[in-house]
Amino acid sequence: MARLSALPFRNNPVPVVCSKCNKFYWDEVVHFFTSCDALNLHRNAFWDSVVDTFPVEFSAWLHGLDDAQLTAVLLGKRPDGSFYTDEVHVNFLCIVIKAWYVTSKSYNVCAAQ
């Protein structure tokens, strides 16, 4: 996760083809978290954990974010909102770290560099 969160959001001047799913993307980190088809099983397991742990309003709010906003929250950005307490923030980040640790090792985020 530290390797992912240390990377800046990279808007490439031209779309890049993902070596894992063959989809085009502009930003590798956003693609990793939100749209890489090779990670669908991991992404679904993550969303199942969120739905099982938090009120439905929280997962609905997350689903309402655009891809860049969601990625920023997944990387630790604390959003505004009375429902998003310190406890929710810590619990959510624990789920994020558990869900994506193994995935990021297999994905090799820096492959395009």
Protein backbone atom coordinates (compact mmCIF):
# COMPACT_ATOMS: atom_id res chain seq x y z
CA MET A 1 0.00 0.00 0.00
CA ALA A 2 2.80 2.42 0.80
CA ARG A 3 4.18 1.89 -2.69
CA LEU A 4 0.79 2.69 -4.19
CA SER A 5 0.07 5.69 -2.00
CA ALA A 6 3.51 7.16 -2.67
CA LEU A 7 2.83 7.28 -6.39
CA PRO A 8 1.38 10.54 -7.70
CA PHE A 9 -1.80 10.39 -9.73
CA ARG A 10 -0.32 10.18 -13.20
CA ASN A 11 -2.41 11.53 -16.01
CA ASN A 12 -0.59 10.21 -19.03
CA PRO A 13 -0.60 12.41 -22.14
CA VAL A 14 -2.00 9.44 -24.07
CA PRO A 15 -3.93 6.42 -22.80
CA VAL A 16 -1.86 3.39 -21.80
CA VAL A 17 -2.92 -0.24 -22.28
CA CYS A 18 -3.02 -2.29 -19.08
CA SER A 19 -0.83 -5.36 -19.33
CA LYS A 20 -3.21 -7.24 -17.01
CA CYS A 21 -6.63 -6.57 -18.59
CA ASN A 22 -5.87 -4.86 -21.93
CA LYS A 23 -8.07 -1.86 -21.09
CA PHE A 24 -6.87 1.67 -21.73
CA TYR A 25 -6.26 3.95 -18.76
CA TRP A 26 -4.97 7.45 -18.10
CA ASP A 27 -3.86 6.94 -14.49
CA GLU A 28 -2.44 3.61 -13.32
CA VAL A 29 -3.34 4.00 -9.64
CA VAL A 30 -6.96 4.95 -10.40
CA HIS A 31 -7.17 2.07 -12.88
CA PHE A 32 -5.78 -0.37 -10.28
CA PHE A 33 -8.41 0.52 -7.69
CA THR A 34 -11.45 1.11 -9.87
CA SER A 35 -11.48 -0.56 -13.24
CA CYS A 36 -8.84 -3.22 -13.93
CA ASP A 37 -10.78 -6.32 -14.97
CA ALA A 38 -7.96 -8.56 -13.76
CA LEU A 39 -8.77 -7.44 -10.21
CA ASN A 40 -12.55 -7.89 -10.27
CA LEU A 41 -12.54 -10.77 -7.77
CA HIS A 42 -10.40 -8.78 -5.33
CA ARG A 43 -12.50 -5.65 -5.86
CA ASN A 44 -15.74 -7.59 -5.24
CA ALA A 45 -14.32 -9.10 -2.04
CA PHE A 46 -13.34 -5.61 -0.89
CA TRP A 47 -16.86 -4.24 -1.52
CA ASP A 48 -18.36 -7.24 0.29
CA SER A 49 -16.20 -6.39 3.32
CA VAL A 50 -17.31 -2.76 3.21
CA VAL A 51 -21.00 -3.71 2.97
CA ASP A 52 -20.64 -6.25 5.79
CA THR A 53 -18.81 -3.81 8.09
CA PHE A 54 -20.41 -0.40 7.60
CA PRO A 55 -23.92 1.02 7.27
CA VAL A 56 -25.37 0.85 3.77
CA GLU A 57 -25.22 4.65 3.54
CA PHE A 58 -21.43 4.51 3.74
CA SER A 59 -21.03 2.08 0.83
CA ALA A 60 -23.64 4.04 -1.15
CA TRP A 61 -21.66 7.22 -0.53
CA LEU A 62 -18.43 5.50 -1.69
CA HIS A 63 -20.15 4.25 -4.84
CA GLY A 64 -21.26 7.83 -5.55
CA LEU A 65 -17.67 9.10 -5.76
CA ASP A 66 -15.98 9.40 -9.12
CA ASP A 67 -12.97 7.13 -9.73
CA ALA A 68 -10.32 9.70 -8.75
CA GLN A 69 -12.18 10.69 -5.56
CA LEU A 70 -12.67 7.05 -4.58
CA THR A 71 -9.00 6.31 -5.18
CA ALA A 72 -8.00 9.25 -2.98
CA VAL A 73 -10.24 7.93 -0.16
CA LEU A 74 -8.84 4.42 -0.60
CA LEU A 75 -5.34 5.86 -0.26
CA GLY A 76 -6.23 7.53 3.02
CA LYS A 77 -7.75 10.91 2.22
CA ARG A 78 -10.20 11.70 4.96
CA PRO A 79 -13.45 13.03 3.48
CA ASP A 80 -15.73 15.52 5.19
CA GLY A 81 -18.95 14.29 6.71
CA SER A 82 -20.42 13.76 10.12
CA PHE A 83 -20.79 10.02 9.48
CA TYR A 84 -17.07 9.68 8.79
CA THR A 85 -15.70 9.55 12.32
CA ASP A 86 -12.15 8.69 13.40
CA GLU A 87 -13.33 5.15 14.18
CA VAL A 88 -14.89 4.72 10.73
CA HIS A 89 -11.72 6.08 9.12
CA VAL A 90 -9.43 3.66 10.96
CA ASN A 91 -11.71 0.65 10.38
CA PHE A 92 -12.11 1.52 6.71
CA LEU A 93 -8.37 1.90 6.15
CA CYS A 94 -7.76 -1.47 7.85
CA ILE A 95 -10.15 -3.09 5.37
CA VAL A 96 -8.45 -1.31 2.47
CA ILE A 97 -5.00 -2.47 3.55
CA LYS A 98 -6.12 -6.07 4.09
CA ALA A 99 -8.00 -6.20 0.81
CA TRP A 100 -5.33 -4.75 -1.43
CA TYR A 101 -2.04 -5.89 0.08
CA VAL A 102 -1.84 -9.20 -1.76
CA THR A 103 -3.43 -7.72 -4.86
CA SER A 104 -0.86 -4.95 -5.16
CA LYS A 105 1.98 -7.46 -4.83
CA SER A 106 0.66 -9.50 -7.74
CA TYR A 107 -0.32 -6.51 -9.88
CA ASN A 108 3.13 -4.87 -9.90
CA VAL A 109 2.06 -1.26 -10.01
CA CYS A 110 5.35 0.00 -11.36
CA ALA A 111 5.33 -2.26 -14.44
CA ALA A 112 4.61 0.66 -16.77
CA GLN A 113 7.55 2.76 -15.55
